[in-house]
Amino acid sequence: MEAIIKTGGHQYRVKEGDVIKVQKLPGEVGTKVKFETVLFLKDGEKITFGAPIVEDAFVEGTVKEQGRDKKITVFFYRHKTRNKKKSGHKQPFTKVQIEKIVAGGE
């Protein structure tokens, strides 16, 4: 069974057993997470599209890691004026292991 879920402004294609890296979610390592915004379901040959979401469907997972990505450098430069600014950013993330996908009506 496959699904496409939406969280943190991004869409992810997931299967049971996958480990995905999503925008930071609240919760400690080991807690359960439930994604209720399911846009697409595929169970063998049966395909269900949401309009915009699939009713009564959800995806459950477990938080495996909370962390921060590699630092990215942001450099602003305006020529001929000696105007420059350098800054950095580390984006927080959550790794989630998908445990089960439940279709509507199950």
PDB file of N, CA and C in Angstrom:
ATOM      1  N   MET A   1       0.841  -1.176   0.000  1.00  0.00           N
ATOM      2  CA  MET A   1       0.000   0.000   0.000  1.00  0.00           C
ATOM      3  C   MET A   1       0.890   1.245   0.000  1.00  0.00           C
ATOM      4  N   GLU A   2       0.529   2.222  -0.814  1.00  0.00           N
ATOM      5  CA  GLU A   2       1.253   3.484  -0.919  1.00  0.00           C
ATOM      6  C   GLU A   2       0.297   4.637  -0.646  1.00  0.00           C
ATOM      7  N   ALA A   3       0.858   5.764  -0.246  1.00  0.00           N
ATOM      8  CA  ALA A   3       0.053   6.960  -0.016  1.00  0.00           C
ATOM      9  C   ALA A   3       0.899   8.194  -0.298  1.00  0.00           C
ATOM     10  N   ILE A   4       0.223   9.281  -0.585  1.00  0.00           N
ATOM     11  CA  ILE A   4       0.870  10.583  -0.669  1.00  0.00           C
ATOM     12  C   ILE A   4       0.250  11.425   0.434  1.00  0.00           C
ATOM     13  N   ILE A   5       1.117  11.905   1.339  1.00  0.00           N
ATOM     14  CA  ILE A   5       0.647  12.701   2.464  1.00  0.00           C
ATOM     15  C   ILE A   5       1.187  14.115   2.352  1.00  0.00           C
ATOM     16  N   LYS A   6       0.545  15.027   3.064  1.00  0.00           N
ATOM     17  CA  LYS A   6       0.998  16.413   3.067  1.00  0.00           C
ATOM     18  C   LYS A   6       1.264  16.821   4.509  1.00  0.00           C
ATOM     19  N   THR A   7       2.470  17.350   4.761  1.00  0.00           N
ATOM     20  CA  THR A   7       2.816  17.872   6.078  1.00  0.00           C
ATOM     21  C   THR A   7       3.886  18.938   5.923  1.00  0.00           C
ATOM     22  N   GLY A   8       3.750  19.992   6.681  1.00  0.00           N
ATOM     23  CA  GLY A   8       4.743  21.068   6.654  1.00  0.00           C
ATOM     24  C   GLY A   8       4.860  21.758   5.315  1.00  0.00           C
ATOM     25  N   GLY A   9       3.780  21.766   4.525  1.00  0.00           N
ATOM     26  CA  GLY A   9       3.816  22.427   3.229  1.00  0.00           C
ATOM     27  C   GLY A   9       4.444  21.603   2.120  1.00  0.00           C
ATOM     28  N   HIS A  10       4.824  20.345   2.414  1.00  0.00           N
ATOM     29  CA  HIS A  10       5.426  19.465   1.418  1.00  0.00           C
ATOM     30  C   HIS A  10       4.592  18.202   1.284  1.00  0.00           C
ATOM     31  N   GLN A  11       4.728  17.543   0.139  1.00  0.00           N
ATOM     32  CA  GLN A  11       4.041  16.278  -0.087  1.00  0.00           C
ATOM     33  C   GLN A  11       5.073  15.162  -0.160  1.00  0.00           C
ATOM     34  N   TYR A  12       4.740  14.011   0.437  1.00  0.00           N
ATOM     35  CA  TYR A  12       5.657  12.877   0.500  1.00  0.00           C
ATOM     36  C   TYR A  12       4.944  11.618   0.040  1.00  0.00           C
ATOM     37  N   ARG A  13       5.622  10.829  -0.785  1.00  0.00           N
ATOM     38  CA  ARG A  13       5.113   9.531  -1.206  1.00  0.00           C
ATOM     39  C   ARG A  13       5.688   8.491  -0.254  1.00  0.00           C
ATOM     40  N   VAL A  14       4.830   7.747   0.439  1.00  0.00           N
ATOM     41  CA  VAL A  14       5.289   6.842   1.490  1.00  0.00           C
ATOM     42  C   VAL A  14       4.714   5.444   1.299  1.00  0.00           C
ATOM     43  N   LYS A  15       5.466   4.473   1.812  1.00  0.00           N
ATOM     44  CA  LYS A  15       5.041   3.074   1.915  1.00  0.00           C
ATOM     45  C   LYS A  15       5.293   2.656   3.347  1.00  0.00           C
ATOM     46  N   GLU A  16       4.711   1.564   3.767  1.00  0.00           N
ATOM     47  CA  GLU A  16       4.949   1.058   5.108  1.00  0.00           C
ATOM     48  C   GLU A  16       6.413   0.657   5.238  1.00  0.00           C
ATOM     49  N   GLY A  17       7.053   1.104   6.314  1.00  0.00           N
ATOM     50  CA  GLY A  17       8.457   0.806   6.545  1.00  0.00           C
ATOM     51  C   GLY A  17       9.408   1.902   6.112  1.00  0.00           C
ATOM     52  N   ASP A  18       8.934   2.882   5.341  1.00  0.00           N
ATOM     53  CA  ASP A  18       9.789   3.982   4.896  1.00  0.00           C
ATOM     54  C   ASP A  18      10.177   4.886   6.055  1.00  0.00           C
ATOM     55  N   VAL A  19      11.345   5.513   5.934  1.00  0.00           N
ATOM     56  CA  VAL A  19      11.775   6.543   6.879  1.00  0.00           C
ATOM     57  C   VAL A  19      11.860   7.835   6.087  1.00  0.00           C
ATOM     58  N   ILE A  20      11.080   8.835   6.502  1.00  0.00           N
ATOM     59  CA  ILE A  20      11.052  10.109   5.793  1.00  0.00           C
ATOM     60  C   ILE A  20      11.532  11.231   6.706  1.00  0.00           C
ATOM     61  N   LYS A  21      12.073  12.266   6.094  1.00  0.00           N
ATOM     62  CA  LYS A  21      12.590  13.436   6.804  1.00  0.00           C
ATOM     63  C   LYS A  21      11.647  14.595   6.506  1.00  0.00           C
ATOM     64  N   VAL A  22      10.908  15.059   7.518  1.00  0.00           N
ATOM     65  CA  VAL A  22       9.894  16.098   7.329  1.00  0.00           C
ATOM     66  C   VAL A  22      10.247  17.333   8.137  1.00  0.00           C
ATOM     67  N   GLN A  23       9.503  18.407   7.915  1.00  0.00           N
ATOM     68  CA  GLN A  23       9.666  19.611   8.718  1.00  0.00           C
ATOM     69  C   GLN A  23       9.416  19.260  10.178  1.00  0.00           C
ATOM     70  N   LYS A  24      10.006  20.009  11.085  1.00  0.00           N
ATOM     71  CA  LYS A  24       9.945  19.701  12.510  1.00  0.00           C
ATOM     72  C   LYS A  24       8.516  19.513  13.005  1.00  0.00           C
ATOM     73  N   LEU A  25       8.314  18.395  13.709  1.00  0.00           N
ATOM     74  CA  LEU A  25       7.039  18.074  14.339  1.00  0.00           C
ATOM     75  C   LEU A  25       7.237  18.037  15.849  1.00  0.00           C
ATOM     76  N   PRO A  26       6.217  18.386  16.624  1.00  0.00           N
ATOM     77  CA  PRO A  26       6.357  18.294  18.073  1.00  0.00           C
ATOM     78  C   PRO A  26       6.384  16.843  18.513  1.00  0.00           C
ATOM     79  N   GLY A  27       7.096  16.554  19.595  1.00  0.00           N
ATOM     80  CA  GLY A  27       7.126  15.195  20.130  1.00  0.00           C
ATOM     81  C   GLY A  27       8.537  14.693  20.321  1.00  0.00           C
ATOM     82  N   GLU A  28       8.679  13.837  21.305  1.00  0.00           N
ATOM     83  CA  GLU A  28       9.964  13.229  21.615  1.00  0.00           C
ATOM     84  C   GLU A  28      10.205  12.007  20.723  1.00  0.00           C
ATOM     85  N   VAL A  29      11.433  11.515  20.744  1.00  0.00           N
ATOM     86  CA  VAL A  29      11.781  10.302  20.002  1.00  0.00           C
ATOM     87  C   VAL A  29      10.980   9.142  20.591  1.00  0.00           C
ATOM     88  N   GLY A  30      10.341   8.367  19.716  1.00  0.00           N
ATOM     89  CA  GLY A  30       9.556   7.224  20.150  1.00  0.00           C
ATOM     90  C   GLY A  30       8.063   7.481  20.215  1.00  0.00           C
ATOM     91  N   THR A  31       7.629   8.731  20.077  1.00  0.00           N
ATOM     92  CA  THR A  31       6.194   9.018  20.128  1.00  0.00           C
ATOM     93  C   THR A  31       5.548   8.739  18.780  1.00  0.00           C
ATOM     94  N   LYS A  32       4.245   8.496  18.815  1.00  0.00           N
ATOM     95  CA  LYS A  32       3.482   8.211  17.602  1.00  0.00           C
ATOM     96  C   LYS A  32       3.042   9.514  16.945  1.00  0.00           C
ATOM     97  N   VAL A  33       3.017   9.507  15.619  1.00  0.00           N
ATOM     98  CA  VAL A  33       2.587  10.658  14.826  1.00  0.00           C
ATOM     99  C   VAL A  33       1.508  10.173  13.865  1.00  0.00           C
ATOM    100  N   LYS A  34       0.466  10.976  13.691  1.00  0.00           N
ATOM    101  CA  LYS A  34      -0.629  10.612  12.793  1.00  0.00           C
ATOM    102  C   LYS A  34      -0.787  11.696  11.734  1.00  0.00           C
ATOM    103  N   PHE A  35      -0.644  11.323  10.462  1.00  0.00           N
ATOM    104  CA  PHE A  35      -0.825  12.241   9.340  1.00  0.00           C
ATOM    105  C   PHE A  35      -2.216  11.996   8.772  1.00  0.00           C
ATOM    106  N   GLU A  36      -3.090  12.992   8.883  1.00  0.00           N
ATOM    107  CA  GLU A  36      -4.473  12.819   8.440  1.00  0.00           C
ATOM    108  C   GLU A  36      -4.752  13.445   7.078  1.00  0.00           C
ATOM    109  N   THR A  37      -3.784  14.183   6.538  1.00  0.00           N
ATOM    110  CA  THR A  37      -3.960  14.790   5.218  1.00  0.00           C
ATOM    111  C   THR A  37      -3.393  13.848   4.165  1.00  0.00           C
ATOM    112  N   VAL A  38      -4.215  12.889   3.752  1.00  0.00           N
ATOM    113  CA  VAL A  38      -3.828  11.900   2.740  1.00  0.00           C
ATOM    114  C   VAL A  38      -4.438  12.325   1.413  1.00  0.00           C
ATOM    115  N   LEU A  39      -3.594  12.534   0.405  1.00  0.00           N
ATOM    116  CA  LEU A  39      -4.055  13.031  -0.889  1.00  0.00           C
ATOM    117  C   LEU A  39      -4.296  11.922  -1.898  1.00  0.00           C
ATOM    118  N   PHE A  40      -3.666  10.751  -1.688  1.00  0.00           N
ATOM    119  CA  PHE A  40      -3.701   9.669  -2.685  1.00  0.00           C
ATOM    120  C   PHE A  40      -3.451   8.353  -1.974  1.00  0.00           C
ATOM    121  N   LEU A  41      -4.171   7.310  -2.375  1.00  0.00           N
ATOM    122  CA  LEU A  41      -3.962   5.964  -1.842  1.00  0.00           C
ATOM    123  C   LEU A  41      -3.889   4.972  -2.987  1.00  0.00           C
ATOM    124  N   LYS A  42      -2.981   4.007  -2.864  1.00  0.00           N
ATOM    125  CA  LYS A  42      -2.878   2.936  -3.855  1.00  0.00           C
ATOM    126  C   LYS A  42      -2.733   1.635  -3.095  1.00  0.00           C
ATOM    127  N   ASP A  43      -3.710   0.749  -3.302  1.00  0.00           N
ATOM    128  CA  ASP A  43      -3.701  -0.555  -2.650  1.00  0.00           C
ATOM    129  C   ASP A  43      -3.783  -1.606  -3.750  1.00  0.00           C
ATOM    130  N   GLY A  44      -2.610  -2.083  -4.185  1.00  0.00           N
ATOM    131  CA  GLY A  44      -2.580  -3.026  -5.305  1.00  0.00           C
ATOM    132  C   GLY A  44      -2.999  -2.318  -6.578  1.00  0.00           C
ATOM    133  N   GLU A  45      -4.136  -2.728  -7.131  1.00  0.00           N
ATOM    134  CA  GLU A  45      -4.663  -2.102  -8.350  1.00  0.00           C
ATOM    135  C   GLU A  45      -5.695  -1.024  -8.042  1.00  0.00           C
ATOM    136  N   LYS A  46      -6.147  -0.956  -6.795  1.00  0.00           N
ATOM    137  CA  LYS A  46      -7.170   0.023  -6.418  1.00  0.00           C
ATOM    138  C   LYS A  46      -6.511   1.365  -6.091  1.00  0.00           C
ATOM    139  N   ILE A  47      -6.926   2.415  -6.808  1.00  0.00           N
ATOM    140  CA  ILE A  47      -6.356   3.747  -6.628  1.00  0.00           C
ATOM    141  C   ILE A  47      -7.466   4.694  -6.180  1.00  0.00           C
ATOM    142  N   THR A  48      -7.180   5.485  -5.150  1.00  0.00           N
ATOM    143  CA  THR A  48      -8.144   6.455  -4.636  1.00  0.00           C
ATOM    144  C   THR A  48      -7.490   7.828  -4.612  1.00  0.00           C
ATOM    145  N   PHE A  49      -8.124   8.779  -5.297  1.00  0.00           N
ATOM    146  CA  PHE A  49      -7.662  10.164  -5.296  1.00  0.00           C
ATOM    147  C   PHE A  49      -8.529  10.971  -4.345  1.00  0.00           C
ATOM    148  N   GLY A  50      -7.911  11.879  -3.626  1.00  0.00           N
ATOM    149  CA  GLY A  50      -8.663  12.750  -2.743  1.00  0.00           C
ATOM    150  C   GLY A  50      -9.171  13.957  -3.493  1.00  0.00           C
ATOM    151  N   ALA A  51     -10.256  14.540  -2.972  1.00  0.00           N
ATOM    152  CA  ALA A  51     -10.795  15.743  -3.588  1.00  0.00           C
ATOM    153  C   ALA A  51     -11.137  16.748  -2.501  1.00  0.00           C
ATOM    154  N   PRO A  52     -10.229  17.396  -1.819  1.00  0.00           N
ATOM    155  CA  PRO A  52      -8.780  17.355  -1.966  1.00  0.00           C
ATOM    156  C   PRO A  52      -8.106  16.265  -1.133  1.00  0.00           C
ATOM    157  N   ILE A  53      -8.787  15.723  -0.092  1.00  0.00           N
ATOM    158  CA  ILE A  53      -8.158  14.667   0.701  1.00  0.00           C
ATOM    159  C   ILE A  53      -9.038  13.426   0.694  1.00  0.00           C
ATOM    160  N   VAL A  54      -8.432  12.274   0.982  1.00  0.00           N
ATOM    161  CA  VAL A  54      -9.160  11.016   1.057  1.00  0.00           C
ATOM    162  C   VAL A  54      -9.827  10.950   2.428  1.00  0.00           C
ATOM    163  N   GLU A  55     -11.134  10.765   2.446  1.00  0.00           N
ATOM    164  CA  GLU A  55     -11.892  10.746   3.694  1.00  0.00           C
ATOM    165  C   GLU A  55     -11.523   9.542   4.550  1.00  0.00           C
ATOM    166  N   ASP A  56     -11.422   9.748   5.852  1.00  0.00           N
ATOM    167  CA  ASP A  56     -11.191   8.699   6.863  1.00  0.00           C
ATOM    168  C   ASP A  56      -9.901   7.914   6.665  1.00  0.00           C
ATOM    169  N   ALA A  57      -8.963   8.444   5.908  1.00  0.00           N
ATOM    170  CA  ALA A  57      -7.681   7.767   5.709  1.00  0.00           C
ATOM    171  C   ALA A  57      -6.618   8.491   6.525  1.00  0.00           C
ATOM    172  N   PHE A  58      -5.647   7.730   7.028  1.00  0.00           N
ATOM    173  CA  PHE A  58      -4.547   8.336   7.767  1.00  0.00           C
ATOM    174  C   PHE A  58      -3.327   7.447   7.692  1.00  0.00           C
ATOM    175  N   VAL A  59      -2.186   8.033   8.035  1.00  0.00           N
ATOM    176  CA  VAL A  59      -0.910   7.328   8.042  1.00  0.00           C
ATOM    177  C   VAL A  59      -0.309   7.502   9.434  1.00  0.00           C
ATOM    178  N   GLU A  60       0.137   6.401  10.028  1.00  0.00           N
ATOM    179  CA  GLU A  60       0.750   6.459  11.348  1.00  0.00           C
ATOM    180  C   GLU A  60       2.233   6.176  11.252  1.00  0.00           C
ATOM    181  N   GLY A  61       2.991   6.832  12.112  1.00  0.00           N
ATOM    182  CA  GLY A  61       4.431   6.627  12.142  1.00  0.00           C
ATOM    183  C   GLY A  61       4.977   6.886  13.527  1.00  0.00           C
ATOM    184  N   THR A  62       6.275   6.611  13.680  1.00  0.00           N
ATOM    185  CA  THR A  62       6.970   6.823  14.942  1.00  0.00           C
ATOM    186  C   THR A  62       8.139   7.768  14.709  1.00  0.00           C
ATOM    187  N   VAL A  63       8.320   8.725  15.627  1.00  0.00           N
ATOM    188  CA  VAL A  63       9.434   9.667  15.534  1.00  0.00           C
ATOM    189  C   VAL A  63      10.722   8.916  15.861  1.00  0.00           C
ATOM    190  N   LYS A  64      11.674   8.930  14.936  1.00  0.00           N
ATOM    191  CA  LYS A  64      12.953   8.247  15.119  1.00  0.00           C
ATOM    192  C   LYS A  64      14.072   9.200  15.512  1.00  0.00           C
ATOM    193  N   GLU A  65      13.984  10.468  15.074  1.00  0.00           N
ATOM    194  CA  GLU A  65      15.064  11.419  15.345  1.00  0.00           C
ATOM    195  C   GLU A  65      14.544  12.839  15.222  1.00  0.00           C
ATOM    196  N   GLN A  66      15.014  13.712  16.115  1.00  0.00           N
ATOM    197  CA  GLN A  66      14.797  15.147  16.011  1.00  0.00           C
ATOM    198  C   GLN A  66      16.181  15.767  15.805  1.00  0.00           C
ATOM    199  N   GLY A  67      16.314  16.659  14.848  1.00  0.00           N
ATOM    200  CA  GLY A  67      17.644  17.221  14.613  1.00  0.00           C
ATOM    201  C   GLY A  67      17.598  18.485  13.784  1.00  0.00           C
ATOM    202  N   ARG A  68      18.801  18.903  13.362  1.00  0.00           N
ATOM    203  CA  ARG A  68      18.949  20.067  12.499  1.00  0.00           C
ATOM    204  C   ARG A  68      19.832  19.697  11.316  1.00  0.00           C
ATOM    205  N   ASP A  69      19.450  20.193  10.139  1.00  0.00           N
ATOM    206  CA  ASP A  69      20.188  19.914   8.906  1.00  0.00           C
ATOM    207  C   ASP A  69      21.544  20.611   8.914  1.00  0.00           C
ATOM    208  N   LYS A  70      22.306  20.358   7.848  1.00  0.00           N
ATOM    209  CA  LYS A  70      23.573  21.052   7.663  1.00  0.00           C
ATOM    210  C   LYS A  70      23.319  22.548   7.520  1.00  0.00           C
ATOM    211  N   LYS A  71      24.324  23.327   7.902  1.00  0.00           N
ATOM    212  CA  LYS A  71      24.196  24.770   7.819  1.00  0.00           C
ATOM    213  C   LYS A  71      24.304  25.228   6.371  1.00  0.00           C
ATOM    214  N   ILE A  72      23.393  26.100   5.988  1.00  0.00           N
ATOM    215  CA  ILE A  72      23.507  26.724   4.674  1.00  0.00           C
ATOM    216  C   ILE A  72      23.951  28.167   4.882  1.00  0.00           C
ATOM    217  N   THR A  73      24.762  28.674   3.976  1.00  0.00           N
ATOM    218  CA  THR A  73      25.279  30.031   4.071  1.00  0.00           C
ATOM    219  C   THR A  73      24.490  30.927   3.127  1.00  0.00           C
ATOM    220  N   VAL A  74      24.000  32.025   3.660  1.00  0.00           N
ATOM    221  CA  VAL A  74      23.273  33.007   2.875  1.00  0.00           C
ATOM    222  C   VAL A  74      24.161  34.243   2.798  1.00  0.00           C
ATOM    223  N   PHE A  75      24.520  34.656   1.593  1.00  0.00           N
ATOM    224  CA  PHE A  75      25.424  35.790   1.415  1.00  0.00           C
ATOM    225  C   PHE A  75      24.749  36.820   0.529  1.00  0.00           C
ATOM    226  N   PHE A  76      24.589  38.019   1.069  1.00  0.00           N
ATOM    227  CA  PHE A  76      24.004  39.136   0.341  1.00  0.00           C
ATOM    228  C   PHE A  76      25.110  40.112  -0.015  1.00  0.00           C
ATOM    229  N   TYR A  77      25.178  40.518  -1.271  1.00  0.00           N
ATOM    230  CA  TYR A  77      26.239  41.414  -1.720  1.00  0.00           C
ATOM    231  C   TYR A  77      25.662  42.404  -2.718  1.00  0.00           C
ATOM    232  N   ARG A  78      25.972  43.685  -2.496  1.00  0.00           N
ATOM    233  CA  ARG A  78      25.570  44.722  -3.438  1.00  0.00           C
ATOM    234  C   ARG A  78      26.849  45.367  -3.966  1.00  0.00           C
ATOM    235  N   HIS A  79      27.091  45.241  -5.258  1.00  0.00           N
ATOM    236  CA  HIS A  79      28.347  45.720  -5.829  1.00  0.00           C
ATOM    237  C   HIS A  79      28.444  47.248  -5.815  1.00  0.00           C
ATOM    238  N   LYS A  80      29.652  47.717  -5.832  1.00  0.00           N
ATOM    239  CA  LYS A  80      30.027  49.141  -5.889  1.00  0.00           C
ATOM    240  C   LYS A  80      29.699  49.922  -4.613  1.00  0.00           C
ATOM    241  N   THR A  81      29.132  49.295  -3.601  1.00  0.00           N
ATOM    242  CA  THR A  81      28.777  50.040  -2.394  1.00  0.00           C
ATOM    243  C   THR A  81      29.415  49.453  -1.140  1.00  0.00           C
ATOM    244  N   ARG A  82      30.179  48.397  -1.291  1.00  0.00           N
ATOM    245  CA  ARG A  82      30.781  47.692  -0.161  1.00  0.00           C
ATOM    246  C   ARG A  82      29.714  47.217   0.836  1.00  0.00           C
ATOM    247  N   ASN A  83      28.585  46.871   0.293  1.00  0.00           N
ATOM    248  CA  ASN A  83      27.474  46.416   1.105  1.00  0.00           C
ATOM    249  C   ASN A  83      27.435  44.891   1.053  1.00  0.00           C
ATOM    250  N   LYS A  84      27.611  44.233   2.178  1.00  0.00           N
ATOM    251  CA  LYS A  84      27.548  42.778   2.191  1.00  0.00           C
ATOM    252  C   LYS A  84      27.053  42.306   3.549  1.00  0.00           C
ATOM    253  N   LYS A  85      26.413  41.163   3.533  1.00  0.00           N
ATOM    254  CA  LYS A  85      25.904  40.582   4.764  1.00  0.00           C
ATOM    255  C   LYS A  85      25.939  39.065   4.626  1.00  0.00           C
ATOM    256  N   LYS A  86      26.490  38.390   5.613  1.00  0.00           N
ATOM    257  CA  LYS A  86      26.610  36.938   5.589  1.00  0.00           C
ATOM    258  C   LYS A  86      25.865  36.376   6.795  1.00  0.00           C
ATOM    259  N   SER A  87      25.053  35.394   6.558  1.00  0.00           N
ATOM    260  CA  SER A  87      24.352  34.743   7.655  1.00  0.00           C
ATOM    261  C   SER A  87      24.194  33.269   7.320  1.00  0.00           C
ATOM    262  N   GLY A  88      23.766  32.482   8.283  1.00  0.00           N
ATOM    263  CA  GLY A  88      23.584  31.056   8.084  1.00  0.00           C
ATOM    264  C   GLY A  88      22.285  30.594   8.687  1.00  0.00           C
ATOM    265  N   HIS A  89      21.912  29.364   8.342  1.00  0.00           N
ATOM    266  CA  HIS A  89      20.640  28.822   8.819  1.00  0.00           C
ATOM    267  C   HIS A  89      20.734  27.306   8.884  1.00  0.00           C
ATOM    268  N   LYS A  90      20.233  26.724   9.966  1.00  0.00           N
ATOM    269  CA  LYS A  90      20.115  25.273  10.097  1.00  0.00           C
ATOM    270  C   LYS A  90      18.641  24.949  10.264  1.00  0.00           C
ATOM    271  N   GLN A  91      18.083  24.211   9.318  1.00  0.00           N
ATOM    272  CA  GLN A  91      16.659  23.898   9.332  1.00  0.00           C
ATOM    273  C   GLN A  91      16.384  22.706  10.246  1.00  0.00           C
ATOM    274  N   PRO A  92      15.478  22.842  11.215  1.00  0.00           N
ATOM    275  CA  PRO A  92      15.138  21.699  12.063  1.00  0.00           C
ATOM    276  C   PRO A  92      14.303  20.675  11.291  1.00  0.00           C
ATOM    277  N   PHE A  93      14.482  19.389  11.615  1.00  0.00           N
ATOM    278  CA  PHE A  93      13.745  18.330  10.937  1.00  0.00           C
ATOM    279  C   PHE A  93      13.367  17.235  11.926  1.00  0.00           C
ATOM    280  N   THR A  94      12.477  16.355  11.469  1.00  0.00           N
ATOM    281  CA  THR A  94      12.062  15.179  12.222  1.00  0.00           C
ATOM    282  C   THR A  94      12.102  13.992  11.277  1.00  0.00           C
ATOM    283  N   LYS A  95      12.749  12.897  11.693  1.00  0.00           N
ATOM    284  CA  LYS A  95      12.719  11.661  10.911  1.00  0.00           C
ATOM    285  C   LYS A  95      11.608  10.790  11.466  1.00  0.00           C
ATOM    286  N   VAL A  96      10.739  10.322  10.561  1.00  0.00           N
ATOM    287  CA  VAL A  96       9.582   9.526  10.949  1.00  0.00           C
ATOM    288  C   VAL A  96       9.608   8.215  10.187  1.00  0.00           C
ATOM    289  N   GLN A  97       9.405   7.103  10.906  1.00  0.00           N
ATOM    290  CA  GLN A  97       9.276   5.795  10.260  1.00  0.00           C
ATOM    291  C   GLN A  97       7.793   5.502  10.116  1.00  0.00           C
ATOM    292  N   ILE A  98       7.372   5.237   8.874  1.00  0.00           N
ATOM    293  CA  ILE A  98       5.964   4.961   8.587  1.00  0.00           C
ATOM    294  C   ILE A  98       5.662   3.530   9.013  1.00  0.00           C
ATOM    295  N   GLU A  99       4.621   3.366   9.830  1.00  0.00           N
ATOM    296  CA  GLU A  99       4.269   2.047  10.347  1.00  0.00           C
ATOM    297  C   GLU A  99       3.039   1.454   9.692  1.00  0.00           C
ATOM    298  N   LYS A 100       1.992   2.266   9.518  1.00  0.00           N
ATOM    299  CA  LYS A 100       0.814   1.719   8.844  1.00  0.00           C
ATOM    300  C   LYS A 100       0.045   2.794   8.108  1.00  0.00           C
ATOM    301  N   ILE A 101      -0.573   2.353   7.019  1.00  0.00           N
ATOM    302  CA  ILE A 101      -1.413   3.207   6.190  1.00  0.00           C
ATOM    303  C   ILE A 101      -2.813   2.630   6.259  1.00  0.00           C
ATOM    304  N   VAL A 102      -3.741   3.453   6.697  1.00  0.00           N
ATOM    305  CA  VAL A 102      -5.131   2.994   6.867  1.00  0.00           C
ATOM    306  C   VAL A 102      -6.007   3.740   5.876  1.00  0.00           C
ATOM    307  N   ALA A 103      -6.688   2.984   5.026  1.00  0.00           N
ATOM    308  CA  ALA A 103      -7.600   3.567   4.042  1.00  0.00           C
ATOM    309  C   ALA A 103      -8.933   3.855   4.712  1.00  0.00           C
ATOM    310  N   GLY A 104      -9.684   4.757   4.141  1.00  0.00           N
ATOM    311  CA  GLY A 104     -11.013   5.077   4.675  1.00  0.00           C
ATOM    312  C   GLY A 104     -11.932   3.871   4.603  1.00  0.00           C
ATOM    313  N   GLY A 105     -12.674   3.633   5.669  1.00  0.00           N
ATOM    314  CA  GLY A 105     -13.601   2.498   5.683  1.00  0.00           C
ATOM    315  C   GLY A 105     -13.019   1.224   6.247  1.00  0.00           C
ATOM    316  N   GLU A 106     -11.766   1.240   6.699  1.00  0.00           N
ATOM    317  CA  GLU A 106     -11.177   0.026   7.287  1.00  0.00           C
ATOM    318  C   GLU A 106     -11.366   0.025   8.779  1.00  0.00           C
TER     319      GLU A 106
END
